[in-house]
């Protein structure tokens, strides 16, 4: 029995070691997306409370770091689905409200911003 427990512990530690950080191009896109959220002036709704963009960005980065401990994010869309759509505690959906407009699901707002980000030509390096 002790050998089985030791083998299981070794297996768990090995699996944890397989988790990798998000690839640089995907991380850069996620960072740019969250920078848009922070700079938007929109409010981010989670668990019946509204938060400014900076707080939303910080929260979503913490969720990304948690996910990266146990797996890998391979696309920005996967990040939106896994971290930025709903509360992992309550299951309640996240929302974004800009100005006097009606709140929209965060997944829709973030996906629209991602599409706009991708449509913007990259600035040449100097």
Protein backbone atom coordinates (compact mmCIF):
# COMPACT_ATOMS: atom_id res chain seq x y z
CA UNK A 1 0.00 0.00 0.00
CA UNK A 2 2.73 2.56 0.82
CA UNK A 3 4.30 1.88 -2.59
CA UNK A 4 0.97 2.54 -4.30
CA UNK A 5 0.63 5.86 -2.45
CA UNK A 6 4.19 6.83 -3.36
CA UNK A 7 3.58 5.90 -7.00
CA UNK A 8 0.37 7.93 -7.07
CA UNK A 9 2.12 10.94 -5.53
CA UNK A 10 4.90 10.68 -8.11
CA UNK A 11 2.31 10.49 -10.91
CA UNK A 12 0.50 13.60 -9.62
CA UNK A 13 3.75 15.54 -9.31
CA UNK A 14 4.76 14.51 -12.83
CA UNK A 15 1.42 15.58 -14.27
CA UNK A 16 1.68 18.93 -12.52
CA UNK A 17 5.07 19.39 -14.11
CA UNK A 18 3.50 19.01 -17.56
CA UNK A 19 1.58 22.27 -17.26
CA UNK A 20 3.20 24.98 -19.33
CA UNK A 21 2.85 28.69 -19.55
CA UNK A 22 0.80 30.18 -22.34
CA UNK A 23 2.71 30.59 -25.61
CA UNK A 24 4.11 34.11 -26.05
CA UNK A 25 1.93 35.12 -29.04
CA UNK A 26 -1.25 33.98 -27.27
CA UNK A 27 -0.21 35.66 -24.03
CA UNK A 28 0.52 38.89 -25.92
CA UNK A 29 -2.97 38.77 -27.44
CA UNK A 30 -4.57 38.11 -24.04
CA UNK A 31 -2.59 41.00 -22.53
CA UNK A 32 -3.70 43.31 -25.36
CA UNK A 33 -7.32 42.20 -24.91
CA UNK A 34 -7.21 42.85 -21.18
CA UNK A 35 -5.54 46.23 -21.78
CA UNK A 36 -8.53 47.13 -23.98
CA UNK A 37 -10.89 46.14 -21.18
CA UNK A 38 -8.93 48.19 -18.67
CA UNK A 39 -8.83 51.28 -20.92
CA UNK A 40 -12.42 50.99 -22.16
CA UNK A 41 -14.10 52.80 -19.29
CA UNK A 42 -16.60 49.94 -19.21
CA UNK A 43 -17.69 48.15 -16.06
CA UNK A 44 -17.15 44.42 -15.55
CA UNK A 45 -19.90 42.57 -13.72
CA UNK A 46 -19.20 39.46 -11.71
CA UNK A 47 -21.18 37.89 -8.91
CA UNK A 48 -23.68 40.77 -8.73
CA UNK A 49 -20.98 43.44 -8.33
CA UNK A 50 -19.55 45.90 -10.85
CA UNK A 51 -15.82 46.49 -11.12
CA UNK A 52 -13.66 48.97 -13.01
CA UNK A 53 -11.55 47.73 -15.90
CA UNK A 54 -8.33 47.61 -13.85
CA UNK A 55 -9.92 45.34 -11.24
CA UNK A 56 -11.42 43.16 -13.96
CA UNK A 57 -8.03 42.82 -15.64
CA UNK A 58 -6.36 41.87 -12.36
CA UNK A 59 -9.06 39.29 -11.62
CA UNK A 60 -8.83 37.69 -15.06
CA UNK A 61 -5.03 37.56 -14.88
CA UNK A 62 -5.30 35.72 -11.54
CA UNK A 63 -7.65 33.24 -13.18
CA UNK A 64 -5.22 32.79 -16.07
CA UNK A 65 -2.35 32.13 -13.66
CA UNK A 66 -4.47 29.55 -11.84
CA UNK A 67 -5.38 27.80 -15.09
CA UNK A 68 -1.73 27.75 -16.15
CA UNK A 69 -0.82 25.86 -12.97
CA UNK A 70 -2.85 22.89 -14.19
CA UNK A 71 -2.88 23.17 -17.97
CA UNK A 72 -2.13 25.28 -20.98
CA UNK A 73 -4.12 27.95 -22.76
CA UNK A 74 -3.50 27.49 -26.49
CA UNK A 75 -5.76 30.23 -27.92
CA UNK A 76 -7.20 33.52 -26.77
CA UNK A 77 -10.67 32.11 -27.40
CA UNK A 78 -9.87 29.30 -24.97
CA UNK A 79 -8.87 31.92 -22.39
CA UNK A 80 -12.20 33.73 -22.90
CA UNK A 81 -14.14 30.47 -22.52
CA UNK A 82 -12.16 29.15 -19.54
CA UNK A 83 -11.52 32.31 -17.53
CA UNK A 84 -13.54 35.29 -18.72
CA UNK A 85 -17.08 34.03 -19.27
CA UNK A 86 -18.36 33.05 -15.83
CA UNK A 87 -17.45 32.75 -12.20
CA UNK A 88 -15.69 29.53 -11.39
CA UNK A 89 -17.12 29.77 -7.87
CA UNK A 90 -20.79 30.63 -8.43
CA UNK A 91 -21.17 29.79 -12.12
CA UNK A 92 -22.79 33.19 -12.67
CA UNK A 93 -22.01 34.73 -16.06
CA UNK A 94 -19.78 37.78 -16.33
CA UNK A 95 -21.03 40.91 -18.10
CA UNK A 96 -19.60 44.13 -19.51
CA UNK A 97 -21.47 47.44 -19.50
CA UNK A 98 -20.17 50.44 -21.42
CA UNK A 99 -21.71 53.83 -20.69
CA UNK A 100 -25.50 53.80 -20.77
CA UNK A 101 -25.67 50.76 -23.05
CA UNK A 102 -27.21 47.56 -21.80
CA UNK A 103 -24.83 45.07 -20.26
CA UNK A 104 -23.70 42.27 -22.57
CA UNK A 105 -22.16 38.88 -21.78
CA UNK A 106 -18.42 39.27 -21.27
CA UNK A 107 -17.78 36.53 -23.82
CA UNK A 108 -19.53 38.56 -26.52
CA UNK A 109 -17.76 41.81 -25.60
CA UNK A 110 -14.33 40.18 -25.36
CA UNK A 111 -14.80 38.26 -28.61
CA UNK A 112 -15.80 41.47 -30.43
CA UNK A 113 -12.74 43.22 -29.00
CA UNK A 114 -10.53 40.29 -29.99
CA UNK A 115 -11.85 40.46 -33.56
CA UNK A 116 -11.19 44.21 -33.65
CA UNK A 117 -7.71 43.67 -32.23
CA UNK A 118 -6.92 41.09 -34.89
CA UNK A 119 -8.28 43.36 -37.64
CA UNK A 120 -5.94 46.18 -36.60
CA UNK A 121 -2.69 46.07 -38.60
CA UNK A 122 0.39 45.52 -36.49
CA UNK A 123 2.64 48.53 -36.08
CA UNK A 124 6.06 48.05 -37.68
CA UNK A 125 8.96 47.60 -35.30
CA UNK A 126 11.41 50.48 -35.12
